[in-house]
Amino acid sequence: MGQDQTKQQIEKGLHLYQSNQTEKALRVWMRVLEKSADPAGRFRVLGCLITAHAEMGRYKDMLKFAVVQIDTARELEDPDFLTESYLNLARSNEKLCEFQKTISYCKTCLNMQGTTVSLQLNGQVSLSMGNAFLGLSIFQKALECFEKALRYAHNNDDKMLECRVCCSLGNFYTQIKDYEKALFFPCKAAELVNDYGKGWSLKYRAMSQYHMAVAYRKLGRLADAMDCCEESMKIALQHGDRPLQALCLLCFADIHRSRRDVQTAFPRYDSSMSIMTEIGNRLGLIQVLLGVTKCWMIQKELDKALESIEKAQELAEGLGNKLSLLKLHCLCERIYRTKEQQQELRDHVVKFHECVEEMELYCGMCGESIGEKNNQLQALPCSHFFHLKCLQTNGTRGCPNCRRLSVKPGYV
């Protein structure tokens, strides 16, 4: 298959894919991969296969094609192709929750000296790295990466990237419980979709609606949460987007749990868990198990709650997700307090405080914890964040956290 024929077949596959004929598109692209002698064409078709498998939640296949794409990029001896292939490798590992590998591949991308094309990819690299740091609960570095990605998006007038970063920032602020910002950023993403997204994939709309649904639920606006989640789920079902379907089912379950309708929540959690297991989203599985635990606690089935916690803890330790471990210790503390098991209670109180210290989840001004309840937060240029009221009350000539870190202990 020559260069022109390769190009035609890739375009044919894209047309089928955009018409929701995914399996037909995949067959066309696989034929190109088998028969094309054009390395640049093969590189491009591998990019199409990586994107399609990412959206279907077939992350192991995504990773397999990303590895092949790196070999093709090396054959082409082009730094731009190599940067793009390492970014795809980083993204594949991010989806499989291999966050340390994601960070490593992102650093490789940023160290490559390519042309303008590579520089334009730096925003996407920063976003992927931010998502990985967030997966490891390293909040300052995550925020630093998201802010870099946002600067790249503004400098390159890349509205799609800006939309994706806003969704990630929504997730970031949901995790540290500034629910006002957790809603603001996905609402901003939805605005970008409305203003600029006429020719975009519907996944951008679905993504922003899902993150709005999560924030609305946290704020107790359950009817708004349900509306946004239904819209997101509708698009996810139309496009066969399994990862988003799993997240929407989790969100539906959480909404029903917030209404204390446990009997409706359980089957939604089961459906979400089934898809999360199928696609390999271990971080999502932890979220499902946290929801299931809380349902058992509502029903005062404390031993069943502890069983769910044990499964979630094993996953969280495997991923290195410290925030999930903190939440699990918090739930254990409540359970053992109810069961009046003092030794277990003390163990989990100690472990809870160790997690808070490790993640620096406290305000460097007042010393109070961050992420325990809904609070307005404000980040300084160094990406350390504080209670907004503390910054307004005390002001700052610099970051107190950075000042503490720069004070070196003297020799004894």
Protein backbone atom coordinates (compact mmCIF):
# COMPACT_ATOMS: atom_id res chain seq x y z
CA MET A 1 0.00 0.00 0.00
CA GLY A 2 1.54 3.31 -1.13
CA GLN A 3 1.54 6.72 0.49
CA ASP A 4 -1.61 8.06 -1.25
CA GLN A 5 -3.60 4.88 -0.68
CA THR A 6 -2.54 4.86 2.99
CA LYS A 7 -3.77 8.44 3.37
CA GLN A 8 -7.14 7.62 1.73
CA GLN A 9 -7.68 4.58 3.96
CA ILE A 10 -6.84 6.55 7.12
CA GLU A 11 -9.40 9.21 6.11
CA LYS A 12 -11.97 6.48 5.38
CA GLY A 13 -11.40 5.08 8.88
CA LEU A 14 -11.77 8.53 10.44
CA HIS A 15 -15.07 9.09 8.61
CA LEU A 16 -16.39 5.73 9.87
CA TYR A 17 -15.19 6.47 13.41
CA GLN A 18 -16.87 9.89 13.45
CA SER A 19 -20.09 8.21 12.25
CA ASN A 20 -19.96 5.88 15.32
CA GLN A 21 -18.99 2.87 13.20
CA THR A 22 -16.03 2.16 15.46
CA GLU A 23 -15.45 -1.54 14.72
CA LYS A 24 -15.47 -0.89 10.94
CA ALA A 25 -13.01 1.98 11.43
CA LEU A 26 -10.71 -0.27 13.48
CA ARG A 27 -10.75 -2.93 10.72
CA VAL A 28 -9.79 -0.33 8.09
CA TRP A 29 -6.94 1.02 10.23
CA MET A 30 -5.63 -2.47 11.09
CA ARG A 31 -5.47 -3.27 7.33
CA VAL A 32 -3.43 -0.10 6.78
CA LEU A 33 -1.09 -1.13 9.60
CA GLU A 34 -0.58 -4.59 8.07
CA LYS A 35 -0.15 -3.48 4.43
CA SER A 36 1.28 0.05 4.37
CA ALA A 37 4.96 0.54 3.52
CA ASP A 38 4.83 4.26 4.42
CA PRO A 39 6.31 4.82 7.94
CA ALA A 40 4.68 8.28 8.36
CA GLY A 41 1.31 6.78 7.38
CA ARG A 42 1.82 3.90 9.83
CA PHE A 43 2.65 6.42 12.56
CA ARG A 44 -0.55 8.34 11.88
CA VAL A 45 -2.74 5.22 11.79
CA LEU A 46 -1.23 4.09 15.09
CA GLY A 47 -2.26 7.47 16.53
CA CYS A 48 -5.85 6.83 15.36
CA LEU A 49 -5.82 3.35 16.93
CA ILE A 50 -4.44 4.72 20.22
CA THR A 51 -7.16 7.40 20.43
CA ALA A 52 -9.96 4.95 19.54
CA HIS A 53 -8.84 2.36 22.10
CA ALA A 54 -8.49 5.08 24.76
CA GLU A 55 -12.07 6.21 24.21
CA MET A 56 -13.37 2.63 24.32
CA GLY A 57 -11.48 1.95 27.55
CA ARG A 58 -9.26 -0.72 25.98
CA TYR A 59 -6.22 0.62 27.76
CA LYS A 60 -3.97 -2.43 27.42
CA ASP A 61 -4.43 -2.33 23.62
CA MET A 62 -3.81 1.41 23.73
CA LEU A 63 -0.49 0.74 25.48
CA LYS A 64 0.42 -1.99 22.96
CA PHE A 65 -0.09 0.39 19.99
CA ALA A 66 1.81 3.18 21.81
CA VAL A 67 4.86 0.88 22.13
CA VAL A 68 4.69 0.05 18.38
CA GLN A 69 4.36 3.77 17.61
CA ILE A 70 7.62 4.53 19.47
CA ASP A 71 9.45 2.01 17.27
CA THR A 72 7.93 3.66 14.15
CA ALA A 73 8.98 7.13 15.42
CA ARG A 74 12.56 5.91 15.91
CA GLU A 75 12.53 4.54 12.36
CA LEU A 76 11.43 7.98 11.09
CA GLU A 77 14.20 9.71 13.15
CA ASP A 78 11.95 12.71 13.77
CA PRO A 79 11.96 14.35 17.25
CA ASP A 80 8.35 15.57 16.84
CA PHE A 81 7.11 12.04 16.12
CA LEU A 82 9.15 10.71 19.03
CA THR A 83 7.70 13.31 21.43
CA GLU A 84 4.16 12.48 20.33
CA SER A 85 4.74 8.73 20.75
CA TYR A 86 6.18 9.20 24.27
CA LEU A 87 3.13 11.33 25.13
CA ASN A 88 0.87 8.48 23.96
CA LEU A 89 2.91 6.07 26.10
CA ALA A 90 2.50 8.43 29.08
CA ARG A 91 -1.26 8.69 28.49
CA SER A 92 -1.63 4.89 28.20
CA ASN A 93 0.08 4.43 31.55
CA GLU A 94 -2.02 7.24 33.07
CA LYS A 95 -5.22 5.41 32.02
CA LEU A 96 -3.86 2.17 33.53
CA CYS A 97 -3.12 4.13 36.76
CA GLU A 98 0.65 3.53 36.41
CA PHE A 99 1.33 7.05 37.62
CA GLN A 100 5.10 6.85 38.28
CA LYS A 101 5.63 5.57 34.71
CA THR A 102 3.40 8.38 33.37
CA ILE A 103 5.54 11.01 35.11
CA SER A 104 8.74 9.41 33.83
CA TYR A 105 7.52 9.36 30.18
CA CYS A 106 6.24 12.95 30.48
CA LYS A 107 9.68 14.08 31.68
CA THR A 108 11.21 12.31 28.67
CA CYS A 109 8.86 14.32 26.40
CA LEU A 110 9.75 17.62 28.04
CA ASN A 111 13.51 16.89 27.72
CA MET A 112 13.30 16.32 23.96
CA GLN A 113 14.47 19.17 21.78
CA GLY A 114 11.94 19.09 18.95
CA THR A 115 10.46 21.83 16.77
CA THR A 116 7.37 23.99 17.24
CA VAL A 117 5.11 20.92 17.00
CA SER A 118 6.77 19.37 20.05
CA LEU A 119 6.44 22.64 21.96
CA GLN A 120 2.70 22.65 21.20
CA LEU A 121 2.46 19.17 22.72
CA ASN A 122 4.02 20.40 25.98
CA GLY A 123 0.62 21.55 27.24
CA GLN A 124 -0.80 18.04 26.80
CA VAL A 125 2.31 16.58 28.46
CA SER A 126 1.86 18.92 31.46
CA LEU A 127 -1.82 17.91 31.72
CA SER A 128 -0.99 14.19 31.72
CA MET A 129 1.74 14.74 34.31
CA GLY A 130 -0.68 16.76 36.48
CA ASN A 131 -3.26 13.95 36.33
CA ALA A 132 -0.55 11.47 37.40
CA PHE A 133 0.59 13.62 40.35
CA LEU A 134 -3.07 13.95 41.35
CA GLY A 135 -3.37 10.15 41.16
CA LEU A 136 -0.50 9.97 43.67
CA SER A 137 -2.09 12.74 45.84
CA ILE A 138 0.94 15.03 45.32
CA PHE A 139 -1.24 18.12 45.19
CA GLN A 140 1.26 20.98 44.87
CA LYS A 141 3.00 19.36 41.87
CA ALA A 142 -0.36 18.46 40.30
CA LEU A 143 -1.53 22.08 40.53
CA GLU A 144 1.81 23.33 39.17
CA CYS A 145 1.42 21.06 36.10
CA PHE A 146 -2.23 22.06 35.52
CA GLU A 147 -1.31 25.76 35.66
CA LYS A 148 1.53 25.16 33.16
CA ALA A 149 -0.88 23.31 30.86
CA LEU A 150 -3.33 26.21 31.12
CA ARG A 151 -0.57 28.70 30.19
CA TYR A 152 0.33 26.58 27.12
CA ALA A 153 -3.37 26.44 26.17
CA HIS A 154 -3.69 30.24 26.39
CA ASN A 155 -0.40 30.90 24.55
CA ASN A 156 -1.35 28.53 21.69
CA ASP A 157 -5.06 29.53 21.75
CA ASP A 158 -5.84 25.81 22.21
CA LYS A 159 -9.44 25.78 23.46
CA MET A 160 -9.70 21.95 23.48
CA LEU A 161 -6.69 21.69 25.79
CA GLU A 162 -8.09 24.48 27.98
CA CYS A 163 -11.36 22.54 28.24
CA ARG A 164 -9.56 19.35 29.33
CA VAL A 165 -7.42 21.23 31.88
CA CYS A 166 -10.53 22.87 33.36
CA CYS A 167 -12.06 19.41 33.86
CA SER A 168 -8.88 18.19 35.59
CA LEU A 169 -8.87 21.30 37.81
CA GLY A 170 -12.50 20.52 38.70
CA ASN A 171 -11.35 17.05 39.80
CA PHE A 172 -8.40 18.57 41.71
CA TYR A 173 -10.60 20.96 43.73
CA THR A 174 -13.20 18.22 44.33
CA GLN A 175 -10.48 16.16 45.99
CA ILE A 176 -9.28 18.93 48.31
CA LYS A 177 -12.89 20.03 48.96
CA ASP A 178 -13.11 23.55 47.56
CA TYR A 179 -16.45 22.82 45.94
CA GLU A 180 -16.95 26.35 44.64
CA LYS A 181 -13.87 25.98 42.41
CA ALA A 182 -14.77 22.32 41.75
CA LEU A 183 -17.93 23.64 40.06
CA PHE A 184 -16.38 26.77 38.52
CA PHE A 185 -13.82 24.94 36.36
CA PRO A 186 -16.13 22.38 34.67
CA CYS A 187 -18.67 25.21 34.14
CA LYS A 188 -15.84 27.09 32.37
CA ALA A 189 -15.17 23.93 30.31
CA ALA A 190 -18.88 23.76 29.37
CA GLU A 191 -18.72 27.44 28.28
CA LEU A 192 -15.72 26.67 26.04
CA VAL A 193 -17.68 23.78 24.46
CA ASN A 194 -20.67 26.07 23.82
CA ASP A 195 -18.55 28.93 22.42
CA TYR A 196 -15.95 27.05 20.37
CA GLY A 197 -16.92 23.39 20.23
CA LYS A 198 -19.15 23.22 17.15
CA GLY A 199 -16.75 20.90 15.32
CA TRP A 200 -15.45 19.12 18.43
CA SER A 201 -16.15 15.57 19.52
CA LEU A 202 -19.15 15.34 21.88
CA LYS A 203 -16.82 13.79 24.49
CA TYR A 204 -15.81 17.34 25.54
CA ARG A 205 -19.42 18.19 26.37
CA ALA A 206 -19.92 14.86 28.14
CA MET A 207 -16.72 15.31 30.16
CA SER A 208 -17.64 18.82 31.37
CA GLN A 209 -21.19 17.70 32.29
CA TYR A 210 -19.85 14.75 34.30
CA HIS A 211 -17.47 16.95 36.34
CA MET A 212 -20.30 19.47 36.93
CA ALA A 213 -22.47 16.58 38.17
CA VAL A 214 -19.79 15.55 40.71
CA ALA A 215 -19.45 19.13 42.02
CA TYR A 216 -23.24 19.63 42.22
CA ARG A 217 -23.58 16.42 44.25
CA LYS A 218 -20.87 17.53 46.67
CA LEU A 219 -22.71 20.86 47.08
CA GLY A 220 -25.95 18.99 47.83
CA ARG A 221 -27.63 20.16 44.60
CA LEU A 222 -28.76 16.64 43.75
CA ALA A 223 -31.36 17.50 41.06
CA ASP A 224 -28.72 19.53 39.13
CA ALA A 225 -26.23 16.68 39.60
CA MET A 226 -28.72 14.17 38.18
CA ASP A 227 -29.48 16.37 35.13
CA CYS A 228 -25.79 16.82 34.25
CA CYS A 229 -24.99 13.15 34.84
CA GLU A 230 -27.91 12.03 32.63
CA GLU A 231 -26.69 14.26 29.79
CA SER A 232 -23.15 12.91 30.13
CA MET A 233 -24.37 9.29 30.24
CA LYS A 234 -26.52 9.79 27.13
CA ILE A 235 -23.46 10.90 25.10
CA ALA A 236 -21.29 8.12 26.62
CA LEU A 237 -23.86 5.48 25.55
CA GLN A 238 -24.19 6.96 22.03
CA HIS A 239 -20.42 6.85 21.51
CA GLY A 240 -19.65 3.57 23.28
CA ASP A 241 -17.46 5.46 25.77
CA ARG A 242 -17.08 2.74 28.43
CA PRO A 243 -14.80 4.72 30.81
CA LEU A 244 -17.29 7.60 30.99
CA GLN A 245 -20.22 5.19 31.41
CA ALA A 246 -18.44 3.73 34.46
CA LEU A 247 -17.89 7.20 35.95
CA CYS A 248 -21.52 8.23 35.34
CA LEU A 249 -22.81 5.03 36.98
CA LEU A 250 -20.58 5.80 39.98
CA CYS A 251 -21.96 9.35 40.10
CA PHE A 252 -25.59 8.08 39.87
CA ALA A 253 -24.87 5.68 42.76
CA ASP A 254 -23.34 8.49 44.85
CA ILE A 255 -26.40 10.70 44.19
CA HIS A 256 -28.75 7.92 45.38
CA ARG A 257 -26.53 7.35 48.42
CA SER A 258 -26.68 11.09 49.20
CA ARG A 259 -30.48 10.67 49.17
CA ARG A 260 -29.96 7.68 51.51
CA ASP A 261 -31.58 5.46 48.88
CA VAL A 262 -29.12 2.62 49.39
CA GLN A 263 -31.18 -0.02 47.55
CA THR A 264 -31.01 2.04 44.32
CA ALA A 265 -27.34 2.91 44.86
CA PHE A 266 -26.01 -0.67 45.22
CA PRO A 267 -26.87 -1.90 41.67
CA ARG A 268 -25.33 1.28 40.17
CA TYR A 269 -22.12 0.67 42.13
CA ASP A 270 -22.11 -2.97 40.93
CA SER A 271 -22.48 -1.89 37.27
CA SER A 272 -19.76 0.74 37.65
CA MET A 273 -17.45 -1.77 39.35
CA SER A 274 -17.96 -4.26 36.52
CA ILE A 275 -16.85 -1.73 33.84
CA MET A 276 -14.01 -0.33 35.99
CA THR A 277 -12.67 -3.89 36.41
CA GLU A 278 -13.03 -4.60 32.67
CA ILE A 279 -11.11 -1.48 31.60
CA GLY A 280 -8.53 -1.55 34.42
CA ASN A 281 -9.42 1.74 36.14
CA ARG A 282 -8.12 0.89 39.62
CA LEU A 283 -8.54 4.44 40.90
CA GLY A 284 -12.20 4.31 39.84
CA LEU A 285 -12.58 0.95 41.63
CA ILE A 286 -11.37 2.56 44.87
CA GLN A 287 -14.04 5.28 44.49
CA VAL A 288 -16.71 2.62 43.95
CA LEU A 289 -15.57 0.68 47.04
CA LEU A 290 -15.60 3.89 49.12
CA GLY A 291 -19.23 4.46 48.07
CA VAL A 292 -20.17 0.84 48.81
CA THR A 293 -18.51 1.13 52.26
CA LYS A 294 -20.58 4.22 53.08
CA CYS A 295 -23.77 2.39 52.01
CA TRP A 296 -22.98 -0.52 54.37
CA MET A 297 -22.34 2.03 57.13
CA ILE A 298 -25.75 3.64 56.51
CA GLN A 299 -27.24 0.16 56.93
CA LYS A 300 -25.08 -0.39 60.05
CA GLU A 301 -23.50 -3.47 58.40
CA LEU A 302 -20.07 -2.65 59.83
CA ASP A 303 -18.34 -5.96 59.08
CA LYS A 304 -19.38 -5.73 55.41
CA ALA A 305 -18.09 -2.13 55.38
CA LEU A 306 -14.72 -3.36 56.69
CA GLU A 307 -14.56 -5.99 53.91
CA SER A 308 -14.98 -3.25 51.27
CA ILE A 309 -12.36 -1.10 53.03
CA GLU A 310 -9.86 -3.98 52.96
CA LYS A 311 -10.25 -4.37 49.16
CA ALA A 312 -9.97 -0.60 48.62
CA GLN A 313 -6.91 -0.34 50.85
CA GLU A 314 -5.07 -3.01 48.87
CA LEU A 315 -5.75 -1.11 45.63
CA ALA A 316 -4.84 2.29 47.14
CA GLU A 317 -1.52 0.98 48.49
CA GLY A 318 -0.74 -0.58 45.10
CA LEU A 319 -1.37 2.74 43.32
CA GLY A 320 0.23 4.97 45.95
CA ASN A 321 -2.97 7.04 46.24
CA LYS A 322 -2.53 8.64 49.65
CA LEU A 323 -5.84 10.54 49.70
CA SER A 324 -7.81 7.29 49.35
CA LEU A 325 -5.79 5.78 52.21
CA LEU A 326 -6.60 8.84 54.35
CA LYS A 327 -10.33 8.44 53.59
CA LEU A 328 -10.19 4.74 54.41
CA HIS A 329 -8.46 5.40 57.77
CA CYS A 330 -11.14 8.01 58.50
CA LEU A 331 -13.94 5.48 57.79
CA CYS A 332 -12.17 2.81 59.89
CA GLU A 333 -11.91 5.31 62.74
CA ARG A 334 -15.69 5.83 62.65
CA ILE A 335 -16.40 2.08 62.47
CA TYR A 336 -14.07 1.13 65.34
CA ARG A 337 -15.41 4.01 67.47
CA THR A 338 -18.91 2.55 67.00
CA LYS A 339 -17.62 -0.99 67.73
CA GLU A 340 -15.73 0.39 70.79
CA GLN A 341 -12.49 -1.29 69.70
CA GLN A 342 -10.02 1.19 71.20
CA GLN A 343 -6.69 -0.25 69.92
CA GLU A 344 -7.88 -0.38 66.28
CA LEU A 345 -9.37 3.10 66.68
CA ARG A 346 -6.04 4.52 67.91
CA ASP A 347 -4.10 2.81 65.08
CA HIS A 348 -6.27 4.42 62.41
CA VAL A 349 -6.18 7.86 64.09
CA VAL A 350 -2.36 7.72 63.98
CA LYS A 351 -2.34 6.55 60.34
CA PHE A 352 -4.85 9.26 59.39
CA HIS A 353 -2.58 11.99 60.80
CA GLU A 354 0.47 10.46 59.09
CA CYS A 355 -1.37 10.74 55.74
CA VAL A 356 -2.29 14.40 56.44
CA GLU A 357 1.37 15.20 57.19
CA GLU A 358 2.66 13.30 54.15
CA MET A 359 0.30 15.12 51.77
CA GLU A 360 0.77 18.49 53.54
CA LEU A 361 -3.02 18.77 53.74
CA TYR A 362 -3.07 21.61 56.23
CA CYS A 363 -3.00 25.38 55.93
CA GLY A 364 0.51 26.78 56.50
CA MET A 365 -1.01 29.84 58.16
CA CYS A 366 -3.60 28.60 60.65
CA GLY A 367 -2.42 24.97 60.89
CA GLU A 368 -5.98 23.67 60.36
CA SER A 369 -6.51 20.75 57.98
CA ILE A 370 -7.44 21.14 54.31
CA GLY A 371 -9.79 18.68 52.64
CA GLU A 372 -11.74 17.79 55.78
CA LYS A 373 -14.73 19.96 54.87
CA ASN A 374 -15.80 22.35 52.11
CA ASN A 375 -13.54 25.42 52.29
CA GLN A 376 -12.54 28.18 49.88
CA LEU A 377 -8.85 27.81 49.06
CA GLN A 378 -6.36 30.02 47.27
CA ALA A 379 -3.09 28.98 45.64
CA LEU A 380 -0.01 31.22 45.62
CA PRO A 381 2.26 31.39 42.51
CA CYS A 382 4.38 28.54 43.98
CA SER A 383 1.22 26.31 43.90
CA HIS A 384 1.07 25.91 47.70
CA PHE A 385 -2.55 26.51 48.73
CA PHE A 386 -4.10 27.99 51.87
CA HIS A 387 -7.49 28.87 53.26
CA LEU A 388 -8.67 31.97 51.40
CA LYS A 389 -9.78 33.58 54.70
CA CYS A 390 -6.25 33.10 56.15
CA LEU A 391 -4.63 34.87 53.17
CA GLN A 392 -7.18 37.70 53.40
CA THR A 393 -6.71 38.07 57.16
CA ASN A 394 -2.93 37.69 57.40
CA GLY A 395 -1.73 38.72 53.95
CA THR A 396 1.63 37.34 52.87
CA ARG A 397 4.98 38.65 51.67
CA GLY A 398 5.76 35.19 50.38
CA CYS A 399 4.77 31.61 50.89
CA PRO A 400 5.18 30.43 54.52
CA ASN A 401 5.50 26.81 53.30
CA CYS A 402 8.35 27.70 50.91
CA ARG A 403 10.07 29.71 53.68
CA ARG A 404 9.93 26.69 56.01
CA LEU A 405 11.31 24.36 53.32
CA SER A 406 14.26 26.71 52.63
CA VAL A 407 15.38 26.82 56.29
CA LYS A 408 18.12 24.22 56.52
CA PRO A 409 18.88 22.63 59.91
CA GLY A 410 22.21 23.75 61.37
CA TYR A 411 25.08 21.36 62.12
CA VAL A 412 25.21 20.20 65.72
